Amino acid sequence: MKIVLPEPQRDGRLSLEQCLARRRSIRHFSRKPIALRQVSQLLWAAQGITSPSGYRTAPSAGALYPLEMYAAAGLVEDLSAGVYHYRPRDHALVLIRQGDVRPVLTESALGQSAVNFGAATLAIAAVFERTTGKYGRRGRQYVHLDAGHAAQNICLQATALGLGTVPIGAFHDDMVAKTLHLPGDQVPLYLLPVGMP
């Protein structure tokens, strides 16, 4: 099932400088749902396409774009609970797995409650071969840099939307991969639970 996302906004109420000054790691969320348009905006900020040439919101070594974005939705208006894969070219979500996986992701993330109580958790995974095929072993480092760029974009966009998030790197890779139904060539790098503070 494919869900075309709301068109991303190109301007907002807060300046970049205000977002930088206000950005904090938020680990406690209210039980309020977030809007589908907010999820749309966050995914676009992470890996959205911004030019006819296919360039994206976050830089990537050699413009090879090894990152894949997922959303584990639990409390998102107009979006059933489930795991979704983000397709930048269509600015759309594809349902991968039905049901709320946030409790299982919490176990995978060493019990960090932010994963359970965020309205959704965004996951950044990587196909290392896209970059190592060109850059060899050094490409692994470039992929991690790419993930950092995308995660910071998510943090700043969340701040601009009045949402909270926290980047999480402490988790069991195999458990996260199984929960999100990642293909065998994808490795999870980051979890970012998002919600209303």
N, C-alpha and C. Protein backbone atom coordinates (compact mmCIF):
# COMPACT_ATOMS: atom_id res chain seq x y z
N MET A 1 0.84 -1.19 0.00
CA MET A 1 0.00 0.00 0.00
C MET A 1 0.88 1.25 0.00
N LYS A 2 0.63 2.15 -0.94
CA LYS A 2 1.40 3.38 -1.06
C LYS A 2 0.56 4.56 -0.60
N ILE A 3 1.16 5.42 0.22
CA ILE A 3 0.49 6.62 0.72
C ILE A 3 1.29 7.83 0.28
N VAL A 4 0.70 8.63 -0.60
CA VAL A 4 1.36 9.86 -1.03
C VAL A 4 1.27 10.87 0.11
N LEU A 5 2.39 11.44 0.49
CA LEU A 5 2.46 12.34 1.63
C LEU A 5 2.09 13.77 1.24
N PRO A 6 1.63 14.57 2.22
CA PRO A 6 1.39 15.98 1.95
C PRO A 6 2.65 16.67 1.44
N GLU A 7 2.47 17.62 0.57
CA GLU A 7 3.60 18.36 0.00
C GLU A 7 4.40 19.03 1.12
N PRO A 8 5.74 18.91 1.12
CA PRO A 8 6.54 19.55 2.17
C PRO A 8 6.50 21.07 2.06
N GLN A 9 6.55 21.71 3.20
CA GLN A 9 6.60 23.17 3.26
C GLN A 9 8.03 23.65 3.04
N ARG A 10 8.19 24.75 2.36
CA ARG A 10 9.52 25.30 2.08
C ARG A 10 9.85 26.51 2.95
N ASP A 11 8.94 26.90 3.80
CA ASP A 11 9.24 27.97 4.76
C ASP A 11 8.47 27.69 6.05
N GLY A 12 8.94 28.32 7.12
CA GLY A 12 8.32 28.06 8.42
C GLY A 12 8.34 29.31 9.28
N ARG A 13 7.83 29.13 10.51
CA ARG A 13 7.72 30.26 11.43
C ARG A 13 9.03 30.60 12.12
N LEU A 14 9.91 29.61 12.27
CA LEU A 14 11.18 29.82 12.97
C LEU A 14 12.33 29.90 11.98
N SER A 15 13.26 30.77 12.26
CA SER A 15 14.47 30.84 11.43
C SER A 15 15.39 29.67 11.77
N LEU A 16 16.33 29.40 10.89
CA LEU A 16 17.32 28.36 11.16
C LEU A 16 18.06 28.67 12.47
N GLU A 17 18.40 29.92 12.67
CA GLU A 17 19.14 30.30 13.88
C GLU A 17 18.31 30.03 15.14
N GLN A 18 17.00 30.29 15.07
CA GLN A 18 16.14 30.01 16.22
C GLN A 18 16.06 28.51 16.48
N CYS A 19 15.98 27.72 15.42
CA CYS A 19 15.94 26.26 15.58
C CYS A 19 17.23 25.74 16.20
N LEU A 20 18.36 26.28 15.76
CA LEU A 20 19.65 25.87 16.34
C LEU A 20 19.71 26.20 17.82
N ALA A 21 19.21 27.36 18.20
CA ALA A 21 19.26 27.79 19.60
C ALA A 21 18.30 26.98 20.47
N ARG A 22 17.18 26.55 19.92
CA ARG A 22 16.16 25.85 20.71
C ARG A 22 16.30 24.33 20.70
N ARG A 23 17.06 23.76 19.77
CA ARG A 23 17.13 22.31 19.65
C ARG A 23 17.68 21.67 20.92
N ARG A 24 16.95 20.71 21.43
CA ARG A 24 17.38 19.93 22.59
C ARG A 24 16.96 18.48 22.38
N SER A 25 17.64 17.57 23.04
CA SER A 25 17.23 16.17 23.01
C SER A 25 16.04 16.01 23.97
N ILE A 26 14.91 15.61 23.42
CA ILE A 26 13.68 15.45 24.19
C ILE A 26 13.38 13.97 24.31
N ARG A 27 13.26 13.50 25.54
CA ARG A 27 13.04 12.07 25.79
C ARG A 27 11.66 11.76 26.38
N HIS A 28 10.92 12.81 26.73
CA HIS A 28 9.60 12.62 27.35
C HIS A 28 8.56 13.28 26.46
N PHE A 29 7.53 12.51 26.13
CA PHE A 29 6.50 12.99 25.22
C PHE A 29 5.13 12.87 25.85
N SER A 30 4.23 13.75 25.43
CA SER A 30 2.83 13.61 25.82
C SER A 30 2.23 12.45 25.04
N ARG A 31 1.04 12.07 25.36
CA ARG A 31 0.38 10.97 24.64
C ARG A 31 -0.45 11.50 23.47
N LYS A 32 -0.17 12.71 23.02
CA LYS A 32 -0.93 13.31 21.92
C LYS A 32 -0.40 12.82 20.58
N PRO A 33 -1.30 12.60 19.62
CA PRO A 33 -0.85 12.21 18.28
C PRO A 33 -0.20 13.37 17.55
N ILE A 34 0.61 13.06 16.57
CA ILE A 34 1.16 14.07 15.68
C ILE A 34 0.47 13.92 14.32
N ALA A 35 0.59 14.95 13.50
CA ALA A 35 -0.10 14.96 12.21
C ALA A 35 0.72 14.27 11.13
N LEU A 36 0.04 13.71 10.16
CA LEU A 36 0.71 13.10 9.02
C LEU A 36 1.58 14.12 8.30
N ARG A 37 1.11 15.37 8.21
CA ARG A 37 1.91 16.41 7.54
C ARG A 37 3.23 16.65 8.27
N GLN A 38 3.25 16.45 9.60
CA GLN A 38 4.50 16.60 10.35
C GLN A 38 5.46 15.45 10.04
N VAL A 39 4.94 14.24 9.95
CA VAL A 39 5.78 13.10 9.57
C VAL A 39 6.32 13.32 8.17
N SER A 40 5.47 13.80 7.28
CA SER A 40 5.88 14.12 5.91
C SER A 40 7.04 15.10 5.90
N GLN A 41 6.92 16.14 6.70
CA GLN A 41 7.94 17.19 6.74
C GLN A 41 9.26 16.65 7.30
N LEU A 42 9.18 15.82 8.33
CA LEU A 42 10.38 15.24 8.94
C LEU A 42 11.12 14.33 7.96
N LEU A 43 10.38 13.50 7.25
CA LEU A 43 11.01 12.60 6.29
C LEU A 43 11.62 13.37 5.13
N TRP A 44 10.92 14.42 4.68
CA TRP A 44 11.46 15.27 3.62
C TRP A 44 12.75 15.94 4.11
N ALA A 45 12.75 16.43 5.36
CA ALA A 45 13.95 17.07 5.90
C ALA A 45 15.13 16.11 5.93
N ALA A 46 14.86 14.83 6.16
CA ALA A 46 15.93 13.83 6.25
C ALA A 46 16.49 13.47 4.89
N GLN A 47 15.61 13.22 3.90
CA GLN A 47 16.07 12.68 2.62
C GLN A 47 15.24 13.14 1.43
N GLY A 48 14.51 14.24 1.59
CA GLY A 48 13.67 14.72 0.50
C GLY A 48 14.48 15.21 -0.69
N ILE A 49 13.90 15.07 -1.86
CA ILE A 49 14.56 15.51 -3.09
C ILE A 49 14.27 17.00 -3.29
N THR A 50 15.33 17.74 -3.61
CA THR A 50 15.22 19.20 -3.70
C THR A 50 15.67 19.77 -5.04
N SER A 51 15.94 18.90 -6.01
CA SER A 51 16.34 19.41 -7.33
C SER A 51 15.99 18.38 -8.40
N PRO A 52 15.85 18.84 -9.65
CA PRO A 52 15.57 17.91 -10.75
C PRO A 52 16.69 16.87 -10.93
N SER A 53 17.89 17.19 -10.45
CA SER A 53 19.01 16.25 -10.56
C SER A 53 18.97 15.15 -9.51
N GLY A 54 18.01 15.23 -8.60
CA GLY A 54 17.88 14.21 -7.57
C GLY A 54 18.61 14.51 -6.28
N TYR A 55 19.23 15.68 -6.17
CA TYR A 55 19.91 16.04 -4.93
C TYR A 55 18.89 16.16 -3.80
N ARG A 56 19.38 15.88 -2.58
CA ARG A 56 18.48 15.79 -1.43
C ARG A 56 18.78 16.86 -0.38
N THR A 57 17.94 16.89 0.63
CA THR A 57 18.07 17.87 1.71
C THR A 57 19.35 17.70 2.51
N ALA A 58 19.86 16.48 2.59
CA ALA A 58 21.09 16.21 3.33
C ALA A 58 22.18 15.80 2.35
N PRO A 59 23.42 16.28 2.57
CA PRO A 59 24.51 15.91 1.67
C PRO A 59 24.86 14.44 1.78
N SER A 60 25.44 13.92 0.70
CA SER A 60 25.85 12.52 0.66
C SER A 60 27.13 12.41 -0.16
N ALA A 61 28.09 11.66 0.35
CA ALA A 61 29.37 11.48 -0.36
C ALA A 61 29.11 10.95 -1.76
N GLY A 62 29.58 11.67 -2.76
CA GLY A 62 29.43 11.26 -4.14
C GLY A 62 27.99 11.28 -4.63
N ALA A 63 27.09 11.90 -3.87
CA ALA A 63 25.65 11.90 -4.18
C ALA A 63 25.14 10.47 -4.43
N LEU A 64 25.61 9.53 -3.59
CA LEU A 64 25.25 8.12 -3.76
C LEU A 64 24.04 7.71 -2.91
N TYR A 65 23.70 8.48 -1.91
CA TYR A 65 22.50 8.32 -1.09
C TYR A 65 22.29 6.88 -0.61
N PRO A 66 23.11 6.44 0.33
CA PRO A 66 22.98 5.08 0.84
C PRO A 66 21.91 4.91 1.91
N LEU A 67 21.28 6.00 2.33
CA LEU A 67 20.35 5.93 3.45
C LEU A 67 18.94 5.55 3.00
N GLU A 68 18.26 4.80 3.85
CA GLU A 68 16.86 4.46 3.67
C GLU A 68 16.13 4.86 4.95
N MET A 69 14.98 5.52 4.78
CA MET A 69 14.22 6.03 5.92
C MET A 69 12.97 5.18 6.16
N TYR A 70 12.70 4.95 7.44
CA TYR A 70 11.51 4.22 7.85
C TYR A 70 10.79 5.00 8.95
N ALA A 71 9.49 4.81 9.02
CA ALA A 71 8.70 5.39 10.11
C ALA A 71 7.91 4.28 10.77
N ALA A 72 8.12 4.12 12.08
CA ALA A 72 7.32 3.19 12.87
C ALA A 72 6.25 4.03 13.56
N ALA A 73 5.06 4.07 12.96
CA ALA A 73 3.99 4.94 13.42
C ALA A 73 3.16 4.26 14.50
N GLY A 74 2.80 5.04 15.50
CA GLY A 74 1.91 4.55 16.55
C GLY A 74 0.75 5.48 16.78
N LEU A 75 1.06 6.77 16.92
CA LEU A 75 0.03 7.80 17.16
C LEU A 75 0.17 8.92 16.13
N VAL A 76 -0.13 8.60 14.88
CA VAL A 76 -0.06 9.58 13.80
C VAL A 76 -1.45 9.70 13.20
N GLU A 77 -2.00 10.91 13.19
CA GLU A 77 -3.32 11.13 12.63
C GLU A 77 -3.33 10.72 11.16
N ASP A 78 -4.38 10.05 10.74
CA ASP A 78 -4.60 9.64 9.35
C ASP A 78 -3.54 8.64 8.84
N LEU A 79 -2.91 7.93 9.78
CA LEU A 79 -1.94 6.90 9.40
C LEU A 79 -2.07 5.74 10.37
N SER A 80 -2.41 4.58 9.85
CA SER A 80 -2.55 3.40 10.69
C SER A 80 -1.21 3.03 11.31
N ALA A 81 -1.27 2.47 12.51
CA ALA A 81 -0.04 2.00 13.15
C ALA A 81 0.63 0.97 12.27
N GLY A 82 1.94 1.12 12.12
CA GLY A 82 2.68 0.19 11.30
C GLY A 82 4.06 0.72 10.98
N VAL A 83 4.81 -0.06 10.21
CA VAL A 83 6.14 0.31 9.76
C VAL A 83 6.03 0.69 8.28
N TYR A 84 6.57 1.85 7.95
CA TYR A 84 6.49 2.38 6.59
C TYR A 84 7.89 2.71 6.07
N HIS A 85 8.09 2.47 4.79
CA HIS A 85 9.33 2.84 4.11
C HIS A 85 9.08 4.12 3.33
N TYR A 86 9.99 5.08 3.48
CA TYR A 86 9.86 6.37 2.78
C TYR A 86 10.51 6.27 1.41
N ARG A 87 9.78 6.68 0.37
CA ARG A 87 10.30 6.71 -0.99
C ARG A 87 10.46 8.16 -1.42
N PRO A 88 11.69 8.69 -1.38
CA PRO A 88 11.91 10.11 -1.69
C PRO A 88 11.42 10.52 -3.07
N ARG A 89 11.60 9.68 -4.07
CA ARG A 89 11.23 10.07 -5.45
C ARG A 89 9.74 10.36 -5.58
N ASP A 90 8.93 9.62 -4.82
CA ASP A 90 7.47 9.82 -4.85
C ASP A 90 6.99 10.69 -3.70
N HIS A 91 7.86 10.98 -2.76
CA HIS A 91 7.48 11.58 -1.47
C HIS A 91 6.26 10.82 -0.93
N ALA A 92 6.49 9.53 -0.72
CA ALA A 92 5.41 8.63 -0.33
C ALA A 92 5.90 7.60 0.66
N LEU A 93 4.95 7.00 1.36
CA LEU A 93 5.22 5.90 2.27
C LEU A 93 4.67 4.60 1.67
N VAL A 94 5.40 3.53 1.92
CA VAL A 94 4.93 2.20 1.53
C VAL A 94 4.84 1.37 2.81
N LEU A 95 3.66 0.80 3.06
CA LEU A 95 3.45 -0.02 4.25
C LEU A 95 4.29 -1.29 4.16
N ILE A 96 5.09 -1.53 5.20
CA ILE A 96 5.94 -2.72 5.28
C ILE A 96 5.35 -3.74 6.24
N ARG A 97 4.80 -3.24 7.33
CA ARG A 97 4.29 -4.12 8.38
C ARG A 97 3.19 -3.40 9.14
N GLN A 98 2.06 -4.05 9.37
CA GLN A 98 0.97 -3.45 10.13
C GLN A 98 1.18 -3.65 11.62
N GLY A 99 0.62 -2.73 12.40
CA GLY A 99 0.64 -2.85 13.85
C GLY A 99 1.69 -1.95 14.49
N ASP A 100 1.47 -1.67 15.76
CA ASP A 100 2.33 -0.78 16.53
C ASP A 100 3.54 -1.55 17.06
N VAL A 101 4.71 -1.26 16.51
CA VAL A 101 5.93 -1.98 16.91
C VAL A 101 6.76 -1.20 17.93
N ARG A 102 6.24 -0.06 18.41
CA ARG A 102 7.04 0.75 19.34
C ARG A 102 7.47 -0.01 20.60
N PRO A 103 6.62 -0.84 21.21
CA PRO A 103 7.09 -1.60 22.38
C PRO A 103 8.25 -2.54 22.05
N VAL A 104 8.20 -3.19 20.89
CA VAL A 104 9.29 -4.10 20.50
C VAL A 104 10.55 -3.31 20.20
N LEU A 105 10.40 -2.15 19.52
CA LEU A 105 11.56 -1.29 19.27
C LEU A 105 12.19 -0.81 20.57
N THR A 106 11.34 -0.57 21.58
CA THR A 106 11.85 -0.13 22.89
C THR A 106 12.75 -1.21 23.49
N GLU A 107 12.31 -2.46 23.41
CA GLU A 107 13.15 -3.56 23.88
C GLU A 107 14.46 -3.60 23.10
N SER A 108 14.37 -3.40 21.80
CA SER A 108 15.57 -3.41 20.95
C SER A 108 16.53 -2.30 21.32
N ALA A 109 15.96 -1.18 21.82
CA ALA A 109 16.75 -0.01 22.17
C ALA A 109 17.07 0.02 23.67
N LEU A 110 17.27 -1.15 24.23
CA LEU A 110 17.71 -1.29 25.63
C LEU A 110 16.75 -0.66 26.62
N GLY A 111 15.45 -0.67 26.28
CA GLY A 111 14.42 -0.17 27.18
C GLY A 111 14.27 1.33 27.23
N GLN A 112 14.82 2.05 26.30
CA GLN A 112 14.71 3.51 26.31
C GLN A 112 13.26 3.92 26.03
N SER A 113 12.62 4.51 27.04
CA SER A 113 11.17 4.76 26.99
C SER A 113 10.78 5.78 25.93
N ALA A 114 11.69 6.62 25.49
CA ALA A 114 11.34 7.60 24.45
C ALA A 114 10.85 6.91 23.19
N VAL A 115 11.38 5.72 22.90
CA VAL A 115 10.96 4.98 21.71
C VAL A 115 9.52 4.53 21.85
N ASN A 116 9.12 4.14 23.04
CA ASN A 116 7.77 3.66 23.28
C ASN A 116 6.75 4.79 23.29
N PHE A 117 7.13 5.94 23.83
CA PHE A 117 6.16 7.02 24.04
C PHE A 117 6.15 8.08 22.95
N GLY A 118 7.12 8.07 22.05
CA GLY A 118 7.04 8.96 20.90
C GLY A 118 5.86 8.54 20.03
N ALA A 119 5.25 9.50 19.35
CA ALA A 119 4.12 9.18 18.48
C ALA A 119 4.57 8.28 17.32
N ALA A 120 5.80 8.46 16.91
CA ALA A 120 6.40 7.63 15.85
C ALA A 120 7.91 7.61 16.08
N THR A 121 8.54 6.60 15.56
CA THR A 121 10.00 6.56 15.58
C THR A 121 10.49 6.49 14.15
N LEU A 122 11.33 7.46 13.79
CA LEU A 122 11.97 7.43 12.47
C LEU A 122 13.25 6.62 12.59
N ALA A 123 13.49 5.80 11.62
CA ALA A 123 14.69 4.96 11.61
C ALA A 123 15.49 5.25 10.36
N ILE A 124 16.80 5.40 10.55
CA ILE A 124 17.72 5.58 9.43
C ILE A 124 18.49 4.28 9.27
N ALA A 125 18.39 3.69 8.09
CA ALA A 125 19.15 2.48 7.76
C ALA A 125 20.05 2.81 6.58
N ALA A 126 21.02 1.95 6.34
CA ALA A 126 21.98 2.22 5.26
C ALA A 126 22.28 0.96 4.46
N VAL A 127 22.48 1.18 3.16
CA VAL A 127 23.01 0.16 2.27
C VAL A 127 24.46 0.57 2.01
N PHE A 128 25.38 0.01 2.77
CA PHE A 128 26.78 0.44 2.72
C PHE A 128 27.39 0.28 1.33
N GLU A 129 26.98 -0.75 0.61
CA GLU A 129 27.58 -1.04 -0.69
C GLU A 129 27.40 0.09 -1.70
N ARG A 130 26.36 0.89 -1.53
CA ARG A 130 26.17 2.01 -2.45
C ARG A 130 27.36 2.97 -2.41
N THR A 131 27.95 3.10 -1.23
CA THR A 131 29.07 4.03 -1.06
C THR A 131 30.41 3.31 -1.10
N THR A 132 30.51 2.14 -0.50
CA THR A 132 31.79 1.43 -0.50
C THR A 132 32.14 0.94 -1.91
N GLY A 133 31.14 0.75 -2.75
CA GLY A 133 31.41 0.36 -4.13
C GLY A 133 32.28 1.37 -4.86
N LYS A 134 32.18 2.63 -4.46
CA LYS A 134 32.99 3.68 -5.08
C LYS A 134 34.21 4.03 -4.24
N TYR A 135 34.04 4.06 -2.92
CA TYR A 135 35.09 4.58 -2.05
C TYR A 135 35.81 3.51 -1.22
N GLY A 136 35.46 2.26 -1.41
CA GLY A 136 36.12 1.20 -0.64
C GLY A 136 35.81 1.30 0.84
N ARG A 137 36.75 0.86 1.68
CA ARG A 137 36.52 0.84 3.13
C ARG A 137 36.22 2.22 3.68
N ARG A 138 36.82 3.25 3.10
CA ARG A 138 36.57 4.62 3.58
C ARG A 138 35.08 4.98 3.45
N GLY A 139 34.40 4.34 2.51
CA GLY A 139 32.99 4.60 2.30
C GLY A 139 32.13 4.32 3.52
N ARG A 140 32.55 3.38 4.36
CA ARG A 140 31.77 3.11 5.58
C ARG A 140 31.71 4.36 6.46
N GLN A 141 32.84 5.06 6.55
CA GLN A 141 32.84 6.29 7.34
C GLN A 141 31.92 7.33 6.71
N TYR A 142 31.93 7.42 5.39
CA TYR A 142 31.08 8.40 4.71
C TYR A 142 29.60 8.12 4.97
N VAL A 143 29.23 6.85 5.02
CA VAL A 143 27.83 6.51 5.27
C VAL A 143 27.41 6.99 6.65
N HIS A 144 28.28 6.83 7.65
CA HIS A 144 27.96 7.30 9.00
C HIS A 144 27.84 8.83 9.02
N LEU A 145 28.68 9.52 8.25
CA LEU A 145 28.55 10.97 8.15
C LEU A 145 27.21 11.34 7.52
N ASP A 146 26.84 10.63 6.47
CA ASP A 146 25.54 10.88 5.83
C ASP A 146 24.41 10.75 6.85
N ALA A 147 24.46 9.71 7.68
CA ALA A 147 23.41 9.49 8.68
C ALA A 147 23.37 10.64 9.68
N GLY A 148 24.54 11.16 10.05
CA GLY A 148 24.58 12.30 10.96
C GLY A 148 23.94 13.53 10.36
N HIS A 149 24.19 13.77 9.07
CA HIS A 149 23.57 14.92 8.40
C HIS A 149 22.05 14.79 8.43
N ALA A 150 21.55 13.62 8.08
CA ALA A 150 20.10 13.40 8.02
C ALA A 150 19.47 13.53 9.41
N ALA A 151 20.14 12.97 10.42
CA ALA A 151 19.60 13.04 11.79
C ALA A 151 19.54 14.48 12.28
N GLN A 152 20.56 15.27 11.97
CA GLN A 152 20.53 16.67 12.40
C GLN A 152 19.39 17.41 11.70
N ASN A 153 19.17 17.11 10.43
CA ASN A 153 18.04 17.74 9.73
C ASN A 153 16.72 17.41 10.42
N ILE A 154 16.57 16.14 10.84
CA ILE A 154 15.35 15.74 11.55
C ILE A 154 15.22 16.52 12.85
N CYS A 155 16.31 16.63 13.60
CA CYS A 155 16.27 17.36 14.87
C CYS A 155 15.86 18.82 14.68
N LEU A 156 16.44 19.47 13.69
CA LEU A 156 16.11 20.87 13.44
C LEU A 156 14.69 21.03 12.92
N GLN A 157 14.25 20.12 12.04
CA GLN A 157 12.89 20.20 11.53
C GLN A 157 11.88 19.94 12.65
N ALA A 158 12.17 18.99 13.53
CA ALA A 158 11.28 18.74 14.66
C ALA A 158 11.14 20.00 15.51
N THR A 159 12.25 20.67 15.76
CA THR A 159 12.22 21.91 16.54
C THR A 159 11.34 22.95 15.85
N ALA A 160 11.49 23.09 14.55
CA ALA A 160 10.70 24.06 13.79
C ALA A 160 9.21 23.74 13.85
N LEU A 161 8.86 22.45 13.98
CA LEU A 161 7.46 22.03 14.01
C LEU A 161 6.89 22.02 15.43
N GLY A 162 7.70 22.35 16.42
CA GLY A 162 7.23 22.31 17.81
C GLY A 162 7.18 20.91 18.37
N LEU A 163 7.91 19.99 17.75
CA LEU A 163 7.98 18.61 18.21
C LEU A 163 9.29 18.37 18.95
N GLY A 164 9.36 17.26 19.64
CA GLY A 164 10.59 16.84 20.28
C GLY A 164 11.12 15.58 19.64
N THR A 165 12.42 15.39 19.72
CA THR A 165 13.05 14.15 19.26
C THR A 165 14.38 13.97 19.96
N VAL A 166 14.90 12.77 19.89
CA VAL A 166 16.23 12.47 20.42
C VAL A 166 16.86 11.40 19.53
N PRO A 167 18.08 11.63 19.04
CA PRO A 167 18.75 10.59 18.26
C PRO A 167 19.26 9.47 19.17
N ILE A 168 18.95 8.24 18.81
CA ILE A 168 19.33 7.08 19.62
C ILE A 168 20.17 6.14 18.77
N GLY A 169 21.34 5.81 19.29
CA GLY A 169 22.23 4.88 18.60
C GLY A 169 22.45 3.60 19.38
N ALA A 170 21.94 3.53 20.62
CA ALA A 170 22.11 2.35 21.46
C ALA A 170 20.95 1.39 21.24
N PHE A 171 21.19 0.37 20.45
CA PHE A 171 20.16 -0.65 20.19
C PHE A 171 20.83 -1.90 19.63
N HIS A 172 20.08 -2.98 19.64
CA HIS A 172 20.54 -4.24 19.05
C HIS A 172 20.19 -4.22 17.57
N ASP A 173 21.19 -4.15 16.72
CA ASP A 173 20.97 -4.02 15.28
C ASP A 173 20.06 -5.11 14.73
N ASP A 174 20.32 -6.35 15.13
CA ASP A 174 19.55 -7.46 14.56
C ASP A 174 18.08 -7.39 14.96
N MET A 175 17.80 -6.97 16.19
CA MET A 175 16.42 -6.86 16.65
C MET A 175 15.68 -5.74 15.92
N VAL A 176 16.36 -4.60 15.75
CA VAL A 176 15.74 -3.48 15.02
C VAL A 176 15.48 -3.88 13.58
N ALA A 177 16.46 -4.51 12.95
CA ALA A 177 16.30 -4.94 11.55
C ALA A 177 15.11 -5.89 11.41
N LYS A 178 14.96 -6.82 12.34
CA LYS A 178 13.86 -7.78 12.29
C LYS A 178 12.52 -7.07 12.51
N THR A 179 12.47 -6.18 13.46
CA THR A 179 11.22 -5.48 13.78
C THR A 179 10.75 -4.62 12.62
N LEU A 180 11.69 -3.95 11.95
CA LEU A 180 11.34 -3.07 10.83
C LEU A 180 11.24 -3.81 9.50
N HIS A 181 11.55 -5.11 9.51
CA HIS A 181 11.55 -5.93 8.29
C HIS A 181 12.51 -5.36 7.25
N LEU A 182 13.71 -5.00 7.70
CA LEU A 182 14.70 -4.44 6.78
C LEU A 182 15.20 -5.52 5.82
N PRO A 183 15.42 -5.17 4.56
CA PRO A 183 16.06 -6.12 3.64
C PRO A 183 17.46 -6.47 4.15
N GLY A 184 17.99 -7.60 3.70
CA GLY A 184 19.26 -8.11 4.19
C GLY A 184 20.45 -7.21 3.95
N ASP A 185 20.38 -6.31 2.96
CA ASP A 185 21.52 -5.43 2.68
C ASP A 185 21.45 -4.12 3.45
N GLN A 186 20.44 -3.95 4.32
CA GLN A 186 20.29 -2.70 5.07
C GLN A 186 20.64 -2.89 6.54
N VAL A 187 21.38 -1.91 7.08
CA VAL A 187 21.81 -1.93 8.48
C VAL A 187 21.22 -0.71 9.18
N PRO A 188 20.55 -0.89 10.33
CA PRO A 188 20.01 0.26 11.05
C PRO A 188 21.13 1.06 11.71
N LEU A 189 21.06 2.39 11.61
CA LEU A 189 22.08 3.26 12.19
C LEU A 189 21.55 4.18 13.28
N TYR A 190 20.32 4.60 13.17
CA TYR A 190 19.75 5.60 14.09
C TYR A 190 18.28 5.32 14.32
N LEU A 191 17.80 5.58 15.52
CA LEU A 191 16.38 5.67 15.82
C LEU A 191 16.11 7.06 16.35
N LEU A 192 15.05 7.69 15.86
CA LEU A 192 14.68 9.03 16.33
C LEU A 192 13.20 9.07 16.66
N PRO A 193 12.85 8.79 17.94
CA PRO A 193 11.45 8.92 18.32
C PRO A 193 11.04 10.39 18.28
N VAL A 194 9.84 10.67 17.80
CA VAL A 194 9.34 12.03 17.71
C VAL A 194 7.95 12.10 18.32
N GLY A 195 7.65 13.22 18.91
CA GLY A 195 6.32 13.41 19.49
C GLY A 195 6.16 14.80 20.05
N MET A 196 4.98 15.02 20.61
CA MET A 196 4.68 16.30 21.26
C MET A 196 5.34 16.30 22.64
N PRO A 197 6.15 17.32 22.93
CA PRO A 197 6.80 17.37 24.25
C PRO A 197 5.78 17.58 25.37
